[in-house]
Amino acid sequence: MNIKNKVVLITGGTKGIGKVTADLLTSKGMKVYVTTRKEEKVKDNVLLLDVTNEELVKNCIDDVIKKEGKIDVLINNAAYGLCGPIIDSTTEEIIELFETNFFGPHRVIKAVYPIMRKQGYGKIVNISSYAGRLAVPYQGIYSAAKAALSIYSDSLRMEIVNEGIDVCTIEPGDTKTDFHSSRTYTQGFENNEKAKRAIEKMHRDEQSGSDPKAVAKKILRAIKSKRSKPRYIVGLQVILVTVVRHIFPRKFQQFLLRKYYGLN
């Protein structure tokens, strides 16, 4: 598929996987817009967007259409993590995370869908995580939101494929970015030694994880495909997780996870 001059919108694209992806797609001749929640960072191809705000979503989409007249590819990348014991998570914290990580992509898709339908073409790429396939202790709320996003994407794909709109999910494993810097923590997290040990392990894994360029290349592959696969996994870690899930019973999977994160 000819991707040159395709118009791309990436939510949360000023750092990490989003920025690396924006750089790669731009180098391939695509017109890429990324978003930020900070007004002082708005310039040229960097647009103001908070995915939890309906009005800002509409304004952002309108801005791209005003500049380009179309949106060929939407990449829902904006997200953050919540760490700590589930039992200590407040309902407000859980709702706030889902507002960004799950309802946020839905808001943007709802705004872009009529445009893509009118065009008769569009590609929607939702960035999920391997944590949506296998529950991670002390990051359960994040895992739940990513699992919800993956299932949402699978269903949406089936519903709108005949309208010329292709939907897929990218599920990276640990990736070497500064994602941990945006994590939030439940109250009293610092007093829970098991939780601290598990999260420290996650941080170390991320710092030795896959190059974000590997994720960007998988996104590019999905965009170039006339009909993408429903889900793409990235990284050896996710391949191993997939094998473990298919071979071992869930009880044993959880035993391995507890051992891996030092909880036994």
Protein backbone atom coordinates (compact mmCIF):
# COMPACT_ATOMS: atom_id res chain seq x y z
CA MET A 1 0.00 0.00 0.00
CA ASN A 2 1.30 3.45 -0.92
CA ILE A 3 1.70 5.32 2.36
CA LYS A 4 3.30 8.51 1.10
CA ASN A 5 1.31 11.64 2.04
CA LYS A 6 -1.04 9.64 4.26
CA VAL A 7 -2.27 11.80 7.16
CA VAL A 8 -1.64 10.29 10.59
CA LEU A 9 -2.83 11.37 14.03
CA ILE A 10 -0.99 9.94 17.04
CA THR A 11 -2.35 10.63 20.53
CA GLY A 12 0.34 11.09 23.15
CA GLY A 13 3.04 11.24 20.51
CA THR A 14 5.59 13.64 22.02
CA LYS A 15 7.71 10.98 23.75
CA GLY A 16 8.33 7.25 24.03
CA ILE A 17 6.70 4.90 21.53
CA GLY A 18 4.56 7.72 20.13
CA LYS A 19 7.51 9.95 19.26
CA VAL A 20 9.62 7.14 17.80
CA THR A 21 6.64 6.09 15.68
CA ALA A 22 6.03 9.67 14.54
CA ASP A 23 9.67 10.00 13.48
CA LEU A 24 9.58 6.71 11.54
CA LEU A 25 6.31 7.47 9.74
CA THR A 26 7.49 10.98 8.88
CA SER A 27 10.68 9.53 7.39
CA LYS A 28 8.49 7.39 5.12
CA GLY A 29 6.76 10.43 3.69
CA MET A 30 3.64 10.47 5.85
CA LYS A 31 2.15 13.67 7.26
CA VAL A 32 2.13 13.07 11.02
CA TYR A 33 0.39 15.02 13.77
CA VAL A 34 1.02 14.22 17.43
CA THR A 35 -0.75 15.50 20.52
CA THR A 36 0.11 16.94 23.89
CA ARG A 37 -1.84 18.01 26.97
CA LYS A 38 0.51 20.95 27.56
CA GLU A 39 -0.43 24.17 25.76
CA GLU A 40 3.16 25.44 25.79
CA LYS A 41 4.23 22.49 23.61
CA VAL A 42 1.68 23.16 20.86
CA LYS A 43 3.34 24.02 17.52
CA ASP A 44 3.13 23.06 13.85
CA ASN A 45 2.37 19.30 13.94
CA VAL A 46 1.93 19.15 17.74
CA LEU A 47 -1.73 19.63 18.65
CA LEU A 48 -3.47 20.18 21.98
CA LEU A 49 -5.45 17.16 23.14
CA ASP A 50 -6.65 15.64 26.38
CA VAL A 51 -8.43 12.40 25.48
CA THR A 52 -10.64 12.71 28.56
CA ASN A 53 -12.12 15.97 27.25
CA GLU A 54 -14.81 15.66 24.55
CA GLU A 55 -14.45 19.28 23.43
CA LEU A 56 -10.66 19.06 23.06
CA VAL A 57 -11.04 15.82 21.10
CA LYS A 58 -13.42 17.51 18.67
CA ASN A 59 -11.19 20.57 18.36
CA CYS A 60 -8.13 18.44 17.66
CA ILE A 61 -9.85 16.43 14.94
CA ASP A 62 -11.31 19.60 13.41
CA ASP A 63 -7.81 21.12 13.39
CA VAL A 64 -6.35 18.20 11.41
CA ILE A 65 -9.25 18.26 8.94
CA LYS A 66 -8.86 22.02 8.49
CA LYS A 67 -5.15 21.57 7.73
CA GLU A 68 -5.27 18.36 5.66
CA GLY A 69 -8.88 17.63 4.72
CA LYS A 70 -8.61 13.99 5.82
CA ILE A 71 -7.30 11.55 8.42
CA ASP A 72 -6.01 8.28 6.98
CA VAL A 73 -4.54 6.72 10.12
CA LEU A 74 -5.37 7.10 13.82
CA ILE A 75 -2.94 5.70 16.39
CA ASN A 76 -4.33 5.66 19.93
CA ASN A 77 -1.20 5.74 22.07
CA ALA A 78 -1.98 8.02 25.03
CA ALA A 79 -1.94 6.08 28.31
CA TYR A 80 -0.42 5.91 31.77
CA GLY A 81 0.02 3.31 34.52
CA LEU A 82 -1.42 2.93 38.01
CA CYS A 83 0.59 0.79 40.42
CA GLY A 84 -0.16 -0.66 43.82
CA PRO A 85 -2.48 -3.18 45.46
CA ILE A 86 -5.87 -3.35 43.78
CA ILE A 87 -7.56 -3.41 47.17
CA ASP A 88 -6.00 -0.03 47.98
CA SER A 89 -7.04 1.55 44.68
CA THR A 90 -9.86 4.05 45.07
CA THR A 91 -12.81 3.98 42.70
CA GLU A 92 -11.81 7.47 41.60
CA GLU A 93 -8.27 6.31 40.67
CA ILE A 94 -9.65 3.41 38.65
CA ILE A 95 -12.17 5.60 36.83
CA GLU A 96 -9.47 8.18 36.07
CA LEU A 97 -7.18 5.55 34.52
CA PHE A 98 -9.99 4.08 32.42
CA GLU A 99 -10.94 7.59 31.28
CA THR A 100 -7.52 7.91 29.65
CA ASN A 101 -6.58 4.33 28.74
CA PHE A 102 -9.95 3.02 27.56
CA PHE A 103 -12.61 5.70 27.18
CA GLY A 104 -9.99 8.06 25.71
CA PRO A 105 -9.39 5.93 22.62
CA HIS A 106 -13.15 5.47 22.26
CA ARG A 107 -13.72 9.23 22.27
CA VAL A 108 -11.12 9.79 19.57
CA ILE A 109 -12.40 6.90 17.46
CA LYS A 110 -15.97 8.24 17.72
CA ALA A 111 -14.74 11.60 16.42
CA VAL A 112 -12.63 10.15 13.58
CA TYR A 113 -15.05 7.42 12.47
CA PRO A 114 -17.47 9.64 10.47
CA ILE A 115 -14.51 11.12 8.59
CA MET A 116 -13.06 7.72 7.70
CA ARG A 117 -16.48 6.38 6.76
CA LYS A 118 -17.04 9.29 4.38
CA GLN A 119 -13.57 8.73 2.89
CA GLY A 120 -14.31 5.03 2.46
CA TYR A 121 -10.96 4.27 4.00
CA GLY A 122 -9.17 4.44 7.33
CA LYS A 123 -6.78 2.64 9.61
CA ILE A 124 -7.20 2.61 13.40
CA VAL A 125 -4.26 1.31 15.43
CA ASN A 126 -4.79 0.92 19.18
CA ILE A 127 -1.71 0.51 21.37
CA SER A 128 -2.47 -2.08 24.02
CA SER A 129 0.05 -4.19 25.98
CA TYR A 130 1.06 -7.76 26.79
CA ALA A 131 -0.23 -6.86 30.27
CA GLY A 132 -3.68 -7.05 28.69
CA ARG A 133 -3.08 -10.74 27.93
CA LEU A 134 -1.62 -11.76 31.26
CA ALA A 135 -2.53 -10.10 34.55
CA VAL A 136 0.43 -8.41 36.24
CA PRO A 137 0.41 -8.19 40.05
CA TYR A 138 0.26 -4.67 41.49
CA GLN A 139 -0.57 -3.33 38.04
CA GLY A 140 -3.97 -4.97 37.77
CA ILE A 141 -5.97 -1.86 36.90
CA TYR A 142 -3.66 -1.03 34.01
CA SER A 143 -3.85 -4.66 32.83
CA ALA A 144 -7.64 -4.55 33.01
CA ALA A 145 -7.83 -1.38 30.91
CA LYS A 146 -5.48 -2.78 28.26
CA ALA A 147 -7.40 -6.08 28.14
CA ALA A 148 -10.60 -4.08 27.65
CA LEU A 149 -9.01 -2.06 24.84
CA SER A 150 -7.86 -5.20 23.01
CA ILE A 151 -11.31 -6.82 23.16
CA TYR A 152 -12.93 -3.52 22.16
CA SER A 153 -10.62 -3.36 19.13
CA ASP A 154 -11.41 -6.93 18.07
CA SER A 155 -15.15 -6.24 18.20
CA LEU A 156 -14.91 -2.86 16.45
CA ARG A 157 -12.83 -4.45 13.68
CA MET A 158 -15.59 -6.94 12.89
CA GLU A 159 -18.29 -4.28 12.98
CA ILE A 160 -16.79 -1.72 10.58
CA VAL A 161 -14.50 -3.70 8.28
CA ASN A 162 -17.07 -3.57 5.43
CA GLU A 163 -16.94 0.23 5.57
CA GLY A 164 -13.31 0.20 4.48
CA ILE A 165 -11.97 0.91 7.97
CA ASP A 166 -9.30 -1.42 9.29
CA VAL A 167 -8.79 -1.80 13.05
CA CYS A 168 -5.87 -3.53 14.77
CA THR A 169 -4.10 -3.69 18.11
CA ILE A 170 -0.39 -3.53 18.90
CA GLU A 171 0.63 -5.39 22.07
CA PRO A 172 4.21 -4.57 23.10
CA GLY A 173 6.05 -6.22 25.95
CA ASP A 174 8.48 -4.29 28.13
CA THR A 175 9.85 -1.42 26.06
CA LYS A 176 12.77 0.85 26.84
CA THR A 177 11.01 4.18 27.32
CA ASP A 178 10.36 6.56 30.22
CA PHE A 179 6.83 5.18 30.70
CA HIS A 180 7.54 4.56 34.40
CA SER A 181 7.98 8.31 34.94
CA SER A 182 4.27 8.87 34.25
CA ARG A 183 3.04 6.09 36.53
CA THR A 184 0.81 6.96 39.46
CA TYR A 185 0.65 4.99 42.71
CA THR A 186 -2.06 4.04 45.15
CA GLN A 187 -2.01 5.66 48.57
CA GLY A 188 0.27 3.81 50.99
CA PHE A 189 2.06 2.02 48.16
CA GLU A 190 5.45 2.92 49.65
CA ASN A 191 4.65 0.90 52.79
CA ASN A 192 3.92 -2.33 50.90
CA GLU A 193 7.23 -4.17 50.43
CA LYS A 194 5.84 -6.79 48.04
CA ALA A 195 4.30 -4.12 45.82
CA LYS A 196 7.51 -2.07 45.84
CA ARG A 197 9.55 -5.15 44.93
CA ALA A 198 7.22 -6.05 42.05
CA ILE A 199 7.19 -2.52 40.62
CA GLU A 200 10.96 -2.21 40.89
CA LYS A 201 11.19 -5.42 38.88
CA MET A 202 8.88 -3.90 36.24
CA HIS A 203 11.08 -0.81 36.03
CA ARG A 204 14.22 -2.92 35.53
CA ASP A 205 12.51 -5.03 32.87
CA GLU A 206 11.45 -1.90 30.99
CA GLN A 207 14.97 -0.49 31.01
CA SER A 208 16.27 -3.73 29.48
CA GLY A 209 13.24 -4.15 27.25
CA SER A 210 12.74 -3.90 23.50
CA ASP A 211 13.82 -0.88 21.52
CA PRO A 212 10.74 1.30 20.86
CA LYS A 213 11.78 1.26 17.20
CA ALA A 214 10.62 -2.38 17.13
CA VAL A 215 7.13 -1.24 18.13
CA ALA A 216 7.21 1.59 15.58
CA LYS A 217 8.19 -0.84 12.82
CA LYS A 218 5.30 -3.14 13.74
CA ILE A 219 2.92 -0.17 13.59
CA LEU A 220 4.30 0.73 10.16
CA ARG A 221 3.78 -2.85 9.02
CA ALA A 222 0.15 -2.71 10.13
CA ILE A 223 -0.39 0.58 8.32
CA LYS A 224 1.17 -0.70 5.08
CA SER A 225 -0.96 -3.85 5.10
CA LYS A 226 -4.06 -3.67 2.94
CA ARG A 227 -5.77 -5.72 5.65
CA SER A 228 -3.91 -5.83 8.93
CA LYS A 229 -3.90 -8.69 11.40
CA PRO A 230 -6.26 -8.17 14.37
CA ARG A 231 -3.35 -8.13 16.82
CA TYR A 232 0.41 -7.70 16.60
CA ILE A 233 2.75 -8.70 19.40
CA VAL A 234 6.16 -7.11 19.88
CA GLY A 235 9.14 -8.58 21.71
CA LEU A 236 10.46 -12.00 22.73
CA GLN A 237 8.85 -11.56 26.15
CA VAL A 238 5.35 -11.47 24.64
CA ILE A 239 6.08 -14.56 22.54
CA LEU A 240 7.10 -16.42 25.70
CA VAL A 241 4.01 -15.17 27.54
CA THR A 242 1.82 -16.37 24.68
CA VAL A 243 3.42 -19.82 24.77
CA VAL A 244 3.03 -20.07 28.56
CA ARG A 245 -0.64 -19.10 28.33
CA HIS A 246 -1.35 -21.86 25.82
CA ILE A 247 0.66 -24.61 27.51
CA PHE A 248 0.16 -24.20 31.24
CA PRO A 249 -3.04 -23.94 33.31
CA ARG A 250 -3.84 -20.54 34.77
CA LYS A 251 -3.01 -21.65 38.32
CA PHE A 252 0.53 -22.52 37.27
CA GLN A 253 0.83 -19.30 35.25
CA GLN A 254 0.03 -17.31 38.38
CA PHE A 255 2.55 -19.33 40.40
CA LEU A 256 5.23 -18.43 37.85
CA LEU A 257 4.24 -14.77 37.91
CA ARG A 258 4.34 -14.61 41.71
CA LYS A 259 7.77 -16.19 41.65
CA TYR A 260 9.00 -13.89 38.90
CA TYR A 261 7.94 -10.79 40.80
CA GLY A 262 9.29 -12.07 44.11
CA LEU A 263 5.94 -12.57 45.81
CA ASN A 264 6.19 -16.22 46.91
